[in-house]
């Protein structure tokens, strides 16, 4: 299991926390991340961030990020405690992979729940593709 990002997170201080919505109803849903202190790579498209208070956050990337599971250090474009309003403006990075942009970030109960959610979404996508054919 990989442990890291404390120093990398402290160094990565960029955040896209400004909201461009004209009204509160137009504002995107935000997520509060608290004390991110580690991560686990689930596959080339998903990372599980560990936070304080036993919080877990499933990060889904916009595209597959080859080599993601071979890096020993990973950084994020946001600090360890923040509120993300536009996660698509954020990314994870590593010297071996460069930048991998984030599609969504959501809180999950644990790693098993994250894997189940990934599997459920993959099955739904496969089913939708089969119906389109």
N, C-alpha and C. Protein backbone atom coordinates (compact mmCIF):
# COMPACT_ATOMS: atom_id res chain seq x y z
N UNK A 1 0.85 -1.19 0.00
CA UNK A 1 0.00 0.00 0.00
C UNK A 1 0.89 1.24 0.00
N UNK A 2 0.46 2.23 -0.67
CA UNK A 2 1.30 3.42 -0.81
C UNK A 2 0.92 4.48 0.23
N UNK A 3 1.93 5.05 0.82
CA UNK A 3 1.73 6.17 1.73
C UNK A 3 2.56 7.32 1.19
N UNK A 4 2.09 8.49 1.28
CA UNK A 4 2.89 9.64 0.87
C UNK A 4 2.11 10.90 1.01
N UNK A 5 2.12 11.75 0.24
CA UNK A 5 1.62 13.05 -0.12
C UNK A 5 1.56 14.12 0.96
N UNK A 6 1.99 13.87 2.18
CA UNK A 6 1.91 14.94 3.18
C UNK A 6 2.72 16.16 2.74
N UNK A 7 3.99 15.95 2.44
CA UNK A 7 4.83 17.07 2.01
C UNK A 7 4.39 17.59 0.65
N UNK A 8 4.01 16.69 -0.21
CA UNK A 8 3.59 17.11 -1.55
C UNK A 8 2.32 17.93 -1.48
N UNK A 9 1.39 17.53 -0.61
CA UNK A 9 0.14 18.30 -0.47
C UNK A 9 0.41 19.68 0.12
N UNK A 10 1.32 19.73 1.07
CA UNK A 10 1.64 21.02 1.67
C UNK A 10 2.23 21.96 0.63
N UNK A 11 3.00 21.40 -0.31
CA UNK A 11 3.63 22.22 -1.33
C UNK A 11 2.67 22.60 -2.45
N UNK A 12 1.66 21.81 -2.68
CA UNK A 12 0.72 22.08 -3.77
C UNK A 12 -0.41 22.94 -3.27
N UNK A 13 -0.33 24.21 -3.44
CA UNK A 13 -1.31 25.11 -2.85
C UNK A 13 -2.31 25.72 -3.79
N UNK A 14 -2.42 25.24 -5.02
CA UNK A 14 -3.36 25.86 -5.94
C UNK A 14 -4.76 25.32 -5.69
N UNK A 15 -5.76 26.16 -5.74
CA UNK A 15 -7.14 25.69 -5.64
C UNK A 15 -8.03 26.50 -6.55
N UNK A 16 -9.00 25.86 -7.11
CA UNK A 16 -9.97 26.53 -7.98
C UNK A 16 -11.26 26.75 -7.22
N UNK A 17 -11.21 27.48 -6.13
CA UNK A 17 -12.35 27.59 -5.24
C UNK A 17 -13.33 28.70 -5.60
N UNK A 18 -13.07 29.45 -6.64
CA UNK A 18 -14.00 30.50 -7.01
C UNK A 18 -15.21 29.92 -7.72
N UNK A 19 -16.36 30.44 -7.41
CA UNK A 19 -17.57 29.95 -8.07
C UNK A 19 -17.99 30.96 -9.13
N UNK A 20 -18.26 30.46 -10.34
CA UNK A 20 -18.65 31.34 -11.43
C UNK A 20 -20.14 31.40 -11.62
N UNK A 21 -20.90 30.79 -10.74
CA UNK A 21 -22.36 30.76 -10.88
C UNK A 21 -22.94 32.14 -10.61
N UNK A 22 -23.99 32.48 -11.35
CA UNK A 22 -24.62 33.78 -11.16
C UNK A 22 -25.62 33.76 -10.02
N UNK A 23 -26.17 32.60 -9.70
CA UNK A 23 -27.09 32.47 -8.57
C UNK A 23 -26.71 31.24 -7.76
N UNK A 24 -27.14 31.17 -6.49
CA UNK A 24 -26.81 29.99 -5.68
C UNK A 24 -27.34 28.69 -6.29
N UNK A 25 -28.47 28.75 -7.00
CA UNK A 25 -29.03 27.54 -7.61
C UNK A 25 -28.13 27.02 -8.73
N UNK A 26 -27.38 27.93 -9.39
CA UNK A 26 -26.49 27.55 -10.49
C UNK A 26 -25.15 27.03 -10.00
N UNK A 27 -24.86 27.23 -8.73
CA UNK A 27 -23.56 26.84 -8.20
C UNK A 27 -23.39 25.33 -8.21
N UNK A 28 -22.21 24.85 -8.61
CA UNK A 28 -21.98 23.42 -8.60
C UNK A 28 -21.90 22.90 -7.17
N UNK A 29 -22.14 21.61 -7.02
CA UNK A 29 -22.06 21.01 -5.71
C UNK A 29 -20.60 20.99 -5.29
N UNK A 30 -20.33 21.37 -4.07
CA UNK A 30 -18.96 21.41 -3.57
C UNK A 30 -18.72 20.22 -2.64
N UNK A 31 -17.45 19.95 -2.40
CA UNK A 31 -17.08 18.91 -1.46
C UNK A 31 -15.95 19.44 -0.58
N UNK A 32 -16.09 19.21 0.70
CA UNK A 32 -15.10 19.64 1.68
C UNK A 32 -14.14 18.48 1.94
N UNK A 33 -12.86 18.72 1.70
CA UNK A 33 -11.82 17.73 1.98
C UNK A 33 -11.11 18.15 3.25
N UNK A 34 -10.92 17.20 4.15
CA UNK A 34 -10.33 17.53 5.44
C UNK A 34 -9.08 16.70 5.70
N UNK A 35 -7.96 17.37 5.84
CA UNK A 35 -6.69 16.77 6.25
C UNK A 35 -6.32 15.53 5.43
N UNK A 36 -6.20 15.70 4.13
CA UNK A 36 -5.80 14.59 3.26
C UNK A 36 -4.37 14.20 3.64
N UNK A 37 -4.19 12.91 3.99
CA UNK A 37 -2.88 12.49 4.47
C UNK A 37 -2.36 11.20 3.84
N UNK A 38 -3.04 10.72 2.81
CA UNK A 38 -2.58 9.51 2.14
C UNK A 38 -3.48 9.16 0.98
N UNK A 39 -3.11 8.12 0.28
CA UNK A 39 -3.91 7.71 -0.88
C UNK A 39 -3.66 6.24 -1.19
N UNK A 40 -4.58 5.68 -1.95
CA UNK A 40 -4.45 4.34 -2.53
C UNK A 40 -4.90 4.43 -3.98
N UNK A 41 -4.14 3.86 -4.87
CA UNK A 41 -4.53 3.82 -6.27
C UNK A 41 -5.41 2.59 -6.46
N UNK A 42 -6.64 2.79 -6.91
CA UNK A 42 -7.57 1.68 -7.13
C UNK A 42 -7.42 1.10 -8.52
N UNK A 43 -7.22 1.95 -9.51
CA UNK A 43 -6.95 1.54 -10.89
C UNK A 43 -6.43 2.77 -11.63
N UNK A 44 -6.31 2.70 -12.93
CA UNK A 44 -5.73 3.81 -13.70
C UNK A 44 -6.66 5.01 -13.84
N UNK A 45 -7.86 4.90 -13.30
CA UNK A 45 -8.82 6.00 -13.42
C UNK A 45 -9.38 6.45 -12.06
N UNK A 46 -9.00 5.75 -10.98
CA UNK A 46 -9.56 6.04 -9.66
C UNK A 46 -8.50 6.02 -8.57
N UNK A 47 -8.57 7.02 -7.70
CA UNK A 47 -7.68 7.12 -6.54
C UNK A 47 -8.55 7.34 -5.32
N UNK A 48 -8.19 6.71 -4.21
CA UNK A 48 -8.90 6.89 -2.96
C UNK A 48 -8.01 7.72 -2.04
N UNK A 49 -8.47 8.93 -1.70
CA UNK A 49 -7.73 9.79 -0.78
C UNK A 49 -8.17 9.50 0.64
N UNK A 50 -7.22 9.45 1.56
CA UNK A 50 -7.52 9.27 2.98
C UNK A 50 -7.42 10.62 3.67
N UNK A 51 -8.44 10.92 4.49
CA UNK A 51 -8.46 12.18 5.20
C UNK A 51 -8.62 11.97 6.69
N UNK A 52 -8.61 13.06 7.43
CA UNK A 52 -8.78 13.00 8.87
C UNK A 52 -10.18 12.53 9.24
N UNK A 53 -10.31 12.00 10.44
CA UNK A 53 -11.61 11.53 10.91
C UNK A 53 -12.11 10.33 10.14
N UNK A 54 -11.20 9.50 9.63
CA UNK A 54 -11.53 8.30 8.85
C UNK A 54 -12.33 8.59 7.59
N UNK A 55 -12.19 9.77 7.05
CA UNK A 55 -12.87 10.13 5.81
C UNK A 55 -12.12 9.54 4.63
N UNK A 56 -12.88 9.15 3.62
CA UNK A 56 -12.32 8.63 2.37
C UNK A 56 -13.00 9.35 1.22
N UNK A 57 -12.22 9.68 0.20
CA UNK A 57 -12.74 10.41 -0.96
C UNK A 57 -12.34 9.67 -2.23
N UNK A 58 -13.32 9.31 -3.03
CA UNK A 58 -13.07 8.65 -4.31
C UNK A 58 -12.85 9.72 -5.38
N UNK A 59 -11.69 9.69 -5.99
CA UNK A 59 -11.35 10.62 -7.06
C UNK A 59 -11.43 9.85 -8.37
N UNK A 60 -12.28 10.33 -9.27
CA UNK A 60 -12.38 9.75 -10.61
C UNK A 60 -11.72 10.72 -11.58
N UNK A 61 -10.80 10.21 -12.37
CA UNK A 61 -10.06 11.04 -13.31
C UNK A 61 -10.82 11.16 -14.63
N UNK A 62 -10.53 12.19 -15.39
CA UNK A 62 -11.23 12.39 -16.67
C UNK A 62 -10.85 11.32 -17.68
N UNK A 63 -9.64 10.84 -17.63
CA UNK A 63 -9.15 9.80 -18.54
C UNK A 63 -8.29 8.82 -17.75
N UNK A 64 -8.03 7.69 -18.36
CA UNK A 64 -7.10 6.74 -17.73
C UNK A 64 -5.73 7.41 -17.63
N UNK A 65 -5.04 7.11 -16.55
CA UNK A 65 -3.74 7.72 -16.29
C UNK A 65 -2.72 6.58 -16.16
N UNK A 66 -2.13 6.19 -17.29
CA UNK A 66 -1.22 5.05 -17.31
C UNK A 66 -0.01 5.29 -16.42
N UNK A 67 0.35 4.28 -15.64
CA UNK A 67 1.50 4.38 -14.76
C UNK A 67 1.16 4.95 -13.40
N UNK A 68 -0.10 5.24 -13.17
CA UNK A 68 -0.53 5.83 -11.90
C UNK A 68 -0.15 4.95 -10.71
N UNK A 69 -0.28 3.65 -10.86
CA UNK A 69 -0.02 2.76 -9.73
C UNK A 69 1.46 2.45 -9.53
N UNK A 70 2.34 3.02 -10.34
CA UNK A 70 3.76 2.77 -10.17
C UNK A 70 4.50 3.89 -9.45
N UNK A 71 3.86 5.02 -9.28
CA UNK A 71 4.49 6.15 -8.61
C UNK A 71 4.48 5.98 -7.10
N UNK A 72 5.54 6.43 -6.44
CA UNK A 72 5.56 6.34 -4.98
C UNK A 72 5.19 7.66 -4.33
N UNK A 73 5.19 8.71 -5.10
CA UNK A 73 4.80 10.02 -4.58
C UNK A 73 3.79 10.62 -5.53
N UNK A 74 2.78 11.20 -4.93
CA UNK A 74 1.74 11.84 -5.73
C UNK A 74 1.37 13.15 -5.05
N UNK A 75 1.08 14.14 -5.83
CA UNK A 75 0.67 15.44 -5.32
C UNK A 75 -0.68 15.80 -5.92
N UNK A 76 -1.35 16.74 -5.29
CA UNK A 76 -2.60 17.26 -5.83
C UNK A 76 -2.45 18.75 -6.07
N UNK A 77 -3.34 19.30 -6.87
CA UNK A 77 -3.30 20.73 -7.16
C UNK A 77 -3.99 21.53 -6.07
N UNK A 78 -4.48 20.87 -5.02
CA UNK A 78 -5.18 21.55 -3.93
C UNK A 78 -4.53 21.19 -2.60
N UNK A 79 -4.69 22.05 -1.58
CA UNK A 79 -4.09 21.76 -0.28
C UNK A 79 -4.81 20.62 0.44
N UNK A 80 -4.23 20.16 1.54
CA UNK A 80 -4.77 18.99 2.25
C UNK A 80 -6.14 19.22 2.86
N UNK A 81 -6.49 20.44 3.17
CA UNK A 81 -7.84 20.76 3.66
C UNK A 81 -8.38 21.91 2.83
N UNK A 82 -9.49 21.67 2.15
CA UNK A 82 -10.06 22.67 1.26
C UNK A 82 -11.48 22.30 0.90
N UNK A 83 -12.16 23.21 0.26
CA UNK A 83 -13.46 22.92 -0.35
C UNK A 83 -13.28 23.03 -1.86
N UNK A 84 -13.65 21.98 -2.57
CA UNK A 84 -13.55 21.99 -4.03
C UNK A 84 -14.91 22.34 -4.61
N UNK A 85 -14.94 23.40 -5.39
CA UNK A 85 -16.17 23.81 -6.06
C UNK A 85 -16.18 23.33 -7.51
N UNK A 86 -15.03 23.26 -8.12
CA UNK A 86 -14.88 22.84 -9.51
C UNK A 86 -13.78 21.79 -9.58
N UNK A 87 -14.08 20.54 -9.20
CA UNK A 87 -13.01 19.54 -9.20
C UNK A 87 -12.39 19.31 -10.57
N UNK A 88 -13.11 19.63 -11.65
CA UNK A 88 -12.55 19.42 -12.99
C UNK A 88 -11.39 20.36 -13.29
N UNK A 89 -11.20 21.38 -12.47
CA UNK A 89 -10.06 22.28 -12.64
C UNK A 89 -8.83 21.75 -11.91
N UNK A 90 -8.99 20.70 -11.15
CA UNK A 90 -7.93 20.16 -10.31
C UNK A 90 -7.28 18.93 -10.95
N UNK A 91 -6.13 18.54 -10.42
CA UNK A 91 -5.42 17.39 -10.95
C UNK A 91 -4.57 16.73 -9.88
N UNK A 92 -4.16 15.51 -10.16
CA UNK A 92 -3.13 14.85 -9.37
C UNK A 92 -1.91 14.77 -10.26
N UNK A 93 -0.73 14.72 -9.67
CA UNK A 93 0.47 14.68 -10.49
C UNK A 93 1.56 13.88 -9.80
N UNK A 94 2.48 13.45 -10.62
CA UNK A 94 3.63 12.68 -10.17
C UNK A 94 4.71 12.87 -11.22
N UNK A 95 5.98 12.82 -10.82
CA UNK A 95 7.04 12.95 -11.83
C UNK A 95 6.95 11.89 -12.92
N UNK A 96 6.45 10.71 -12.58
CA UNK A 96 6.40 9.62 -13.57
C UNK A 96 5.20 9.70 -14.50
N UNK A 97 4.12 10.40 -14.10
CA UNK A 97 2.90 10.42 -14.92
C UNK A 97 2.52 11.81 -15.43
N UNK A 98 3.08 12.84 -14.86
CA UNK A 98 2.66 14.20 -15.21
C UNK A 98 1.34 14.53 -14.53
N UNK A 99 0.49 15.28 -15.20
CA UNK A 99 -0.80 15.68 -14.64
C UNK A 99 -1.93 14.79 -15.14
N UNK A 100 -2.80 14.39 -14.22
CA UNK A 100 -4.01 13.66 -14.55
C UNK A 100 -5.17 14.45 -13.98
N UNK A 101 -6.03 14.96 -14.85
CA UNK A 101 -7.10 15.85 -14.40
C UNK A 101 -8.27 15.08 -13.79
N UNK A 102 -8.89 15.71 -12.80
CA UNK A 102 -9.96 15.11 -12.01
C UNK A 102 -11.31 15.40 -12.65
N UNK A 103 -12.16 14.39 -12.69
CA UNK A 103 -13.53 14.55 -13.16
C UNK A 103 -14.44 14.80 -11.96
N UNK A 104 -14.41 13.89 -10.98
CA UNK A 104 -15.26 14.03 -9.79
C UNK A 104 -14.50 13.64 -8.53
N UNK A 105 -14.96 14.18 -7.40
CA UNK A 105 -14.49 13.78 -6.08
C UNK A 105 -15.73 13.59 -5.23
N UNK A 106 -15.83 12.44 -4.57
CA UNK A 106 -16.98 12.17 -3.73
C UNK A 106 -16.57 11.40 -2.49
N UNK A 107 -17.26 11.67 -1.40
CA UNK A 107 -16.95 10.97 -0.15
C UNK A 107 -17.56 9.58 -0.20
N UNK A 108 -16.79 8.59 0.26
CA UNK A 108 -17.25 7.21 0.35
C UNK A 108 -16.93 6.68 1.74
N UNK A 109 -17.59 5.60 2.13
CA UNK A 109 -17.38 5.05 3.48
C UNK A 109 -16.01 4.42 3.65
N UNK A 110 -15.58 3.63 2.65
CA UNK A 110 -14.30 2.93 2.75
C UNK A 110 -13.88 2.47 1.35
N UNK A 111 -12.76 1.75 1.29
CA UNK A 111 -12.24 1.29 0.01
C UNK A 111 -13.18 0.30 -0.67
N UNK A 112 -13.81 -0.57 0.12
CA UNK A 112 -14.74 -1.54 -0.46
C UNK A 112 -15.94 -0.84 -1.09
N UNK A 113 -16.45 0.19 -0.43
CA UNK A 113 -17.58 0.95 -0.99
C UNK A 113 -17.15 1.66 -2.27
N UNK A 114 -15.93 2.18 -2.31
CA UNK A 114 -15.41 2.83 -3.51
C UNK A 114 -15.32 1.84 -4.67
N UNK A 115 -14.78 0.66 -4.40
CA UNK A 115 -14.66 -0.37 -5.45
C UNK A 115 -16.04 -0.81 -5.95
N UNK A 116 -16.98 -0.95 -5.03
CA UNK A 116 -18.35 -1.35 -5.42
C UNK A 116 -18.97 -0.28 -6.31
N UNK A 117 -18.77 0.98 -5.99
CA UNK A 117 -19.30 2.09 -6.79
C UNK A 117 -18.67 2.10 -8.18
N UNK A 118 -17.37 1.85 -8.25
CA UNK A 118 -16.68 1.80 -9.54
C UNK A 118 -17.24 0.66 -10.39
N UNK A 119 -17.42 -0.50 -9.78
CA UNK A 119 -17.96 -1.66 -10.49
C UNK A 119 -19.38 -1.41 -10.97
N UNK A 120 -20.19 -0.82 -10.11
CA UNK A 120 -21.58 -0.51 -10.46
C UNK A 120 -21.63 0.44 -11.65
N UNK A 121 -20.81 1.46 -11.64
CA UNK A 121 -20.80 2.43 -12.74
C UNK A 121 -20.28 1.81 -14.03
N UNK A 122 -19.29 0.94 -13.93
CA UNK A 122 -18.75 0.28 -15.12
C UNK A 122 -19.80 -0.63 -15.75
N UNK A 123 -20.55 -1.35 -14.91
CA UNK A 123 -21.62 -2.21 -15.41
C UNK A 123 -22.72 -1.39 -16.08
N UNK A 124 -23.09 -0.27 -15.48
CA UNK A 124 -24.12 0.59 -16.06
C UNK A 124 -23.65 1.16 -17.40
N UNK A 125 -22.38 1.51 -17.49
CA UNK A 125 -21.83 2.04 -18.74
C UNK A 125 -21.81 0.96 -19.83
N UNK A 126 -21.43 -0.25 -19.45
CA UNK A 126 -21.42 -1.36 -20.39
C UNK A 126 -22.83 -1.66 -20.89
N UNK A 127 -23.79 -1.62 -19.98
CA UNK A 127 -25.19 -1.85 -20.34
C UNK A 127 -25.70 -0.76 -21.29
N UNK A 128 -25.35 0.49 -21.01
CA UNK A 128 -25.78 1.59 -21.86
C UNK A 128 -25.14 1.48 -23.24
N UNK A 129 -23.86 1.07 -23.30
CA UNK A 129 -23.20 0.89 -24.58
C UNK A 129 -23.84 -0.23 -25.38
N UNK A 130 -24.25 -1.30 -24.70
CA UNK A 130 -24.90 -2.44 -25.37
C UNK A 130 -26.26 -2.03 -25.97
N UNK A 131 -26.98 -1.15 -25.26
CA UNK A 131 -28.26 -0.69 -25.75
C UNK A 131 -28.10 0.24 -26.95
N UNK A 132 -27.01 0.99 -26.99
CA UNK A 132 -26.74 1.91 -28.10
C UNK A 132 -26.36 1.16 -29.37
N UNK A 133 -25.84 -0.05 -29.21
CA UNK A 133 -25.38 -0.82 -30.39
C UNK A 133 -26.49 -1.52 -31.11
